Amino acid sequence: MLPMARIGKCMMTIGVLAALALAAPGEGRASADREPDIEQGAKLVKARCLACHKAESLPKFVERCAERRGPEYLEAFLRRHYAPDDEARADIIAFLTCEPGQLPED
């Protein structure tokens, strides 16, 4: 497994990720008063995504979602692909779209 710092660096290289964070306001949240948790999202990515996918492939996938298919695609894809519950999906998206300074430490 790759350390979270390396995963974070891969995620930082994509400038379009911020657009995904603004997509579909309110969707992907189980509760309106619960903000998505970046640290929990990092754990979920490590456990759910990196179990099958390489860390290096995630930034390219997220970029394709934003540029070619629209930001809503990532939300819909994750709903079908191992993140069916709203809170987990919101946490994963928060991690994938976070700013470099928000990345959790290893």
N, C-alpha and C. Protein backbone atom coordinates (compact mmCIF):
# COMPACT_ATOMS: atom_id res chain seq x y z
N MET A 1 0.83 -1.19 0.00
CA MET A 1 0.00 0.00 0.00
C MET A 1 0.87 1.24 0.00
N LEU A 2 0.40 2.26 -0.67
CA LEU A 2 1.11 3.53 -0.70
C LEU A 2 0.75 4.37 0.51
N PRO A 3 1.69 5.15 1.02
CA PRO A 3 1.38 6.02 2.15
C PRO A 3 0.40 7.10 1.73
N MET A 4 -0.37 7.58 2.68
CA MET A 4 -1.38 8.60 2.40
C MET A 4 -0.75 9.86 1.82
N ALA A 5 0.46 10.20 2.22
CA ALA A 5 1.10 11.41 1.68
C ALA A 5 1.26 11.29 0.17
N ARG A 6 1.62 10.12 -0.32
CA ARG A 6 1.79 9.94 -1.77
C ARG A 6 0.44 10.01 -2.47
N ILE A 7 -0.56 9.42 -1.88
CA ILE A 7 -1.91 9.50 -2.46
C ILE A 7 -2.32 10.96 -2.53
N GLY A 8 -2.07 11.68 -1.44
CA GLY A 8 -2.42 13.10 -1.39
C GLY A 8 -1.71 13.89 -2.46
N LYS A 9 -0.45 13.61 -2.69
CA LYS A 9 0.30 14.32 -3.72
C LYS A 9 -0.29 14.04 -5.09
N CYS A 10 -0.72 12.82 -5.32
CA CYS A 10 -1.37 12.50 -6.59
C CYS A 10 -2.65 13.31 -6.76
N MET A 11 -3.41 13.42 -5.68
CA MET A 11 -4.67 14.14 -5.73
C MET A 11 -4.46 15.64 -5.96
N MET A 12 -3.36 16.18 -5.43
CA MET A 12 -3.11 17.61 -5.53
C MET A 12 -2.80 18.06 -6.95
N THR A 13 -2.35 17.17 -7.78
CA THR A 13 -1.91 17.56 -9.10
C THR A 13 -3.03 17.93 -10.05
N ILE A 14 -4.23 17.69 -9.68
CA ILE A 14 -5.35 17.95 -10.58
C ILE A 14 -6.06 19.24 -10.16
N GLY A 15 -6.02 20.22 -11.01
CA GLY A 15 -6.61 21.51 -10.70
C GLY A 15 -8.12 21.54 -10.73
N VAL A 16 -8.73 20.57 -11.38
CA VAL A 16 -10.19 20.60 -11.54
C VAL A 16 -10.93 19.99 -10.36
N LEU A 17 -10.23 19.47 -9.39
CA LEU A 17 -10.90 18.80 -8.30
C LEU A 17 -11.80 19.72 -7.49
N ALA A 18 -11.43 20.96 -7.37
CA ALA A 18 -12.24 21.89 -6.59
C ALA A 18 -13.65 21.99 -7.15
N ALA A 19 -13.80 21.84 -8.46
CA ALA A 19 -15.13 21.91 -9.07
C ALA A 19 -16.03 20.78 -8.57
N LEU A 20 -15.45 19.64 -8.31
CA LEU A 20 -16.26 18.52 -7.82
C LEU A 20 -16.82 18.78 -6.43
N ALA A 21 -16.08 19.49 -5.62
CA ALA A 21 -16.54 19.78 -4.26
C ALA A 21 -17.79 20.64 -4.28
N LEU A 22 -17.95 21.44 -5.33
CA LEU A 22 -19.10 22.32 -5.43
C LEU A 22 -20.29 21.68 -6.12
N ALA A 23 -20.08 20.51 -6.67
CA ALA A 23 -21.13 19.85 -7.44
C ALA A 23 -22.25 19.33 -6.55
N ALA A 24 -23.44 19.40 -7.05
CA ALA A 24 -24.61 18.84 -6.39
C ALA A 24 -24.65 19.17 -4.91
N PRO A 25 -24.84 20.45 -4.54
CA PRO A 25 -24.83 20.80 -3.13
C PRO A 25 -25.87 20.02 -2.35
N GLY A 26 -25.46 19.52 -1.21
CA GLY A 26 -26.35 18.76 -0.35
C GLY A 26 -26.40 17.28 -0.66
N GLU A 27 -26.07 16.89 -1.89
CA GLU A 27 -26.07 15.47 -2.21
C GLU A 27 -24.87 14.80 -1.57
N GLY A 28 -25.04 13.53 -1.26
CA GLY A 28 -23.94 12.79 -0.69
C GLY A 28 -23.79 13.00 0.80
N ARG A 29 -24.72 13.69 1.40
CA ARG A 29 -24.68 13.91 2.84
C ARG A 29 -25.89 13.26 3.48
N ALA A 30 -25.66 12.52 4.54
CA ALA A 30 -26.77 11.89 5.22
C ALA A 30 -27.52 12.89 6.07
N SER A 31 -26.82 13.94 6.49
CA SER A 31 -27.41 14.93 7.36
C SER A 31 -26.92 16.31 6.93
N ALA A 32 -27.83 17.27 6.91
CA ALA A 32 -27.44 18.61 6.49
C ALA A 32 -26.48 19.26 7.47
N ASP A 33 -26.49 18.81 8.73
CA ASP A 33 -25.60 19.42 9.72
C ASP A 33 -24.26 18.70 9.85
N ARG A 34 -24.04 17.67 9.08
CA ARG A 34 -22.77 16.94 9.12
C ARG A 34 -21.93 17.32 7.92
N GLU A 35 -20.77 17.88 8.17
CA GLU A 35 -19.83 18.19 7.09
C GLU A 35 -19.04 16.94 6.73
N PRO A 36 -18.70 16.76 5.48
CA PRO A 36 -17.88 15.62 5.09
C PRO A 36 -16.53 15.65 5.81
N ASP A 37 -16.03 14.49 6.13
CA ASP A 37 -14.80 14.32 6.91
C ASP A 37 -13.67 13.87 6.00
N ILE A 38 -12.69 14.75 5.78
CA ILE A 38 -11.58 14.45 4.88
C ILE A 38 -10.75 13.28 5.40
N GLU A 39 -10.48 13.26 6.71
CA GLU A 39 -9.68 12.16 7.26
C GLU A 39 -10.39 10.82 7.11
N GLN A 40 -11.68 10.81 7.36
CA GLN A 40 -12.45 9.58 7.17
C GLN A 40 -12.46 9.19 5.69
N GLY A 41 -12.54 10.19 4.82
CA GLY A 41 -12.49 9.94 3.38
C GLY A 41 -11.18 9.30 2.97
N ALA A 42 -10.07 9.76 3.57
CA ALA A 42 -8.75 9.17 3.27
C ALA A 42 -8.72 7.70 3.68
N LYS A 43 -9.28 7.40 4.84
CA LYS A 43 -9.33 6.01 5.31
C LYS A 43 -10.20 5.15 4.39
N LEU A 44 -11.31 5.71 3.96
CA LEU A 44 -12.20 4.97 3.06
C LEU A 44 -11.57 4.73 1.70
N VAL A 45 -10.87 5.73 1.18
CA VAL A 45 -10.18 5.55 -0.10
C VAL A 45 -9.14 4.44 0.04
N LYS A 46 -8.39 4.48 1.12
CA LYS A 46 -7.37 3.45 1.34
C LYS A 46 -8.00 2.06 1.45
N ALA A 47 -9.09 1.96 2.17
CA ALA A 47 -9.73 0.66 2.39
C ALA A 47 -10.54 0.18 1.19
N ARG A 48 -11.29 1.08 0.58
CA ARG A 48 -12.21 0.66 -0.48
C ARG A 48 -11.64 0.81 -1.88
N CYS A 49 -11.00 1.92 -2.16
CA CYS A 49 -10.53 2.18 -3.53
C CYS A 49 -9.20 1.50 -3.82
N LEU A 50 -8.26 1.66 -2.88
CA LEU A 50 -6.92 1.13 -3.13
C LEU A 50 -6.84 -0.38 -2.94
N ALA A 51 -7.91 -0.99 -2.51
CA ALA A 51 -7.94 -2.46 -2.45
C ALA A 51 -7.87 -3.04 -3.86
N CYS A 52 -8.39 -2.30 -4.84
CA CYS A 52 -8.39 -2.77 -6.22
C CYS A 52 -7.65 -1.85 -7.19
N HIS A 53 -7.68 -0.55 -6.93
CA HIS A 53 -7.14 0.43 -7.87
C HIS A 53 -5.79 0.96 -7.39
N LYS A 54 -4.94 1.33 -8.33
CA LYS A 54 -3.65 1.93 -8.00
C LYS A 54 -3.85 3.41 -7.69
N ALA A 55 -3.12 3.90 -6.71
CA ALA A 55 -3.23 5.31 -6.32
C ALA A 55 -2.96 6.24 -7.50
N GLU A 56 -2.04 5.84 -8.36
CA GLU A 56 -1.70 6.67 -9.50
C GLU A 56 -2.84 6.81 -10.50
N SER A 57 -3.78 5.87 -10.50
CA SER A 57 -4.88 5.94 -11.45
C SER A 57 -6.02 6.83 -10.97
N LEU A 58 -6.11 7.10 -9.68
CA LEU A 58 -7.23 7.87 -9.15
C LEU A 58 -7.27 9.31 -9.66
N PRO A 59 -6.16 10.04 -9.67
CA PRO A 59 -6.25 11.43 -10.15
C PRO A 59 -6.74 11.53 -11.60
N LYS A 60 -6.27 10.64 -12.44
CA LYS A 60 -6.68 10.66 -13.84
C LYS A 60 -8.18 10.38 -13.96
N PHE A 61 -8.67 9.43 -13.18
CA PHE A 61 -10.09 9.10 -13.19
C PHE A 61 -10.93 10.30 -12.73
N VAL A 62 -10.52 10.93 -11.63
CA VAL A 62 -11.26 12.07 -11.10
C VAL A 62 -11.24 13.22 -12.10
N GLU A 63 -10.11 13.42 -12.76
CA GLU A 63 -10.01 14.47 -13.78
C GLU A 63 -10.97 14.20 -14.93
N ARG A 64 -11.03 12.95 -15.38
CA ARG A 64 -11.97 12.60 -16.46
C ARG A 64 -13.41 12.86 -16.04
N CYS A 65 -13.72 12.54 -14.80
CA CYS A 65 -15.08 12.79 -14.31
C CYS A 65 -15.43 14.26 -14.41
N ALA A 66 -14.51 15.12 -14.00
CA ALA A 66 -14.77 16.55 -13.99
C ALA A 66 -14.81 17.14 -15.39
N GLU A 67 -13.87 16.76 -16.22
CA GLU A 67 -13.74 17.40 -17.53
C GLU A 67 -14.66 16.84 -18.60
N ARG A 68 -14.83 15.55 -18.62
CA ARG A 68 -15.57 14.94 -19.73
C ARG A 68 -17.01 14.58 -19.38
N ARG A 69 -17.22 14.15 -18.18
CA ARG A 69 -18.55 13.64 -17.83
C ARG A 69 -19.33 14.55 -16.91
N GLY A 70 -18.70 15.55 -16.38
CA GLY A 70 -19.35 16.47 -15.45
C GLY A 70 -19.15 16.02 -14.02
N PRO A 71 -19.19 16.97 -13.11
CA PRO A 71 -18.90 16.65 -11.71
C PRO A 71 -19.92 15.71 -11.06
N GLU A 72 -21.11 15.66 -11.58
CA GLU A 72 -22.13 14.79 -11.00
C GLU A 72 -21.80 13.31 -11.20
N TYR A 73 -20.97 13.02 -12.20
CA TYR A 73 -20.65 11.63 -12.51
C TYR A 73 -19.95 10.93 -11.35
N LEU A 74 -19.02 11.62 -10.69
CA LEU A 74 -18.30 11.01 -9.58
C LEU A 74 -19.26 10.61 -8.47
N GLU A 75 -20.20 11.47 -8.17
CA GLU A 75 -21.22 11.17 -7.16
C GLU A 75 -22.02 9.93 -7.57
N ALA A 76 -22.50 9.90 -8.80
CA ALA A 76 -23.31 8.78 -9.27
C ALA A 76 -22.47 7.50 -9.35
N PHE A 77 -21.24 7.61 -9.83
CA PHE A 77 -20.37 6.44 -9.92
C PHE A 77 -20.12 5.83 -8.55
N LEU A 78 -19.77 6.66 -7.59
CA LEU A 78 -19.48 6.14 -6.24
C LEU A 78 -20.71 5.53 -5.58
N ARG A 79 -21.88 6.06 -5.90
CA ARG A 79 -23.12 5.49 -5.35
C ARG A 79 -23.27 4.03 -5.77
N ARG A 80 -22.82 3.72 -7.00
CA ARG A 80 -22.92 2.36 -7.52
C ARG A 80 -21.68 1.52 -7.21
N HIS A 81 -20.58 2.17 -6.88
CA HIS A 81 -19.29 1.49 -6.81
C HIS A 81 -18.68 1.57 -5.41
N TYR A 82 -19.21 0.76 -4.50
CA TYR A 82 -18.64 0.56 -3.16
C TYR A 82 -18.75 1.76 -2.23
N ALA A 83 -19.59 2.72 -2.52
CA ALA A 83 -19.86 3.82 -1.59
C ALA A 83 -21.34 4.16 -1.65
N PRO A 84 -22.20 3.17 -1.36
CA PRO A 84 -23.63 3.43 -1.50
C PRO A 84 -24.21 4.34 -0.42
N ASP A 85 -23.57 4.40 0.76
CA ASP A 85 -24.15 5.25 1.80
C ASP A 85 -23.67 6.70 1.66
N ASP A 86 -24.59 7.62 1.92
CA ASP A 86 -24.35 9.03 1.67
C ASP A 86 -23.14 9.59 2.42
N GLU A 87 -22.99 9.26 3.69
CA GLU A 87 -21.89 9.81 4.49
C GLU A 87 -20.54 9.34 3.97
N ALA A 88 -20.40 8.06 3.70
CA ALA A 88 -19.12 7.55 3.19
C ALA A 88 -18.79 8.18 1.85
N ARG A 89 -19.78 8.29 0.98
CA ARG A 89 -19.56 8.88 -0.34
C ARG A 89 -19.13 10.34 -0.21
N ALA A 90 -19.78 11.09 0.66
CA ALA A 90 -19.41 12.49 0.88
C ALA A 90 -17.99 12.60 1.42
N ASP A 91 -17.61 11.69 2.31
CA ASP A 91 -16.26 11.71 2.87
C ASP A 91 -15.22 11.40 1.80
N ILE A 92 -15.50 10.42 0.96
CA ILE A 92 -14.57 10.06 -0.12
C ILE A 92 -14.41 11.23 -1.09
N ILE A 93 -15.50 11.85 -1.47
CA ILE A 93 -15.43 13.00 -2.39
C ILE A 93 -14.70 14.15 -1.73
N ALA A 94 -14.92 14.37 -0.43
CA ALA A 94 -14.20 15.44 0.28
C ALA A 94 -12.69 15.21 0.23
N PHE A 95 -12.28 13.96 0.42
CA PHE A 95 -10.85 13.66 0.34
C PHE A 95 -10.32 13.85 -1.08
N LEU A 96 -11.02 13.33 -2.05
CA LEU A 96 -10.55 13.42 -3.43
C LEU A 96 -10.50 14.85 -3.95
N THR A 97 -11.28 15.73 -3.35
CA THR A 97 -11.37 17.11 -3.83
C THR A 97 -10.77 18.13 -2.87
N CYS A 98 -10.09 17.69 -1.84
CA CYS A 98 -9.59 18.62 -0.84
C CYS A 98 -8.38 19.40 -1.35
N GLU A 99 -8.17 20.54 -0.74
CA GLU A 99 -7.00 21.37 -1.04
C GLU A 99 -5.77 20.74 -0.42
N PRO A 100 -4.59 20.99 -0.97
CA PRO A 100 -3.36 20.38 -0.45
C PRO A 100 -3.15 20.57 1.05
N GLY A 101 -3.46 21.72 1.58
CA GLY A 101 -3.26 21.99 3.01
C GLY A 101 -4.22 21.24 3.91
N GLN A 102 -5.27 20.66 3.36
CA GLN A 102 -6.26 19.94 4.15
C GLN A 102 -5.97 18.45 4.25
N LEU A 103 -4.96 17.97 3.55
CA LEU A 103 -4.69 16.53 3.53
C LEU A 103 -4.27 16.05 4.91
N PRO A 104 -4.80 14.90 5.34
CA PRO A 104 -4.41 14.37 6.64
C PRO A 104 -2.97 13.88 6.62
N GLU A 105 -2.33 13.93 7.76
CA GLU A 105 -0.98 13.38 7.90
C GLU A 105 -1.05 11.87 7.96
N ASP A 106 0.03 11.20 7.54
CA ASP A 106 0.07 9.72 7.62
C ASP A 106 0.09 9.27 9.05
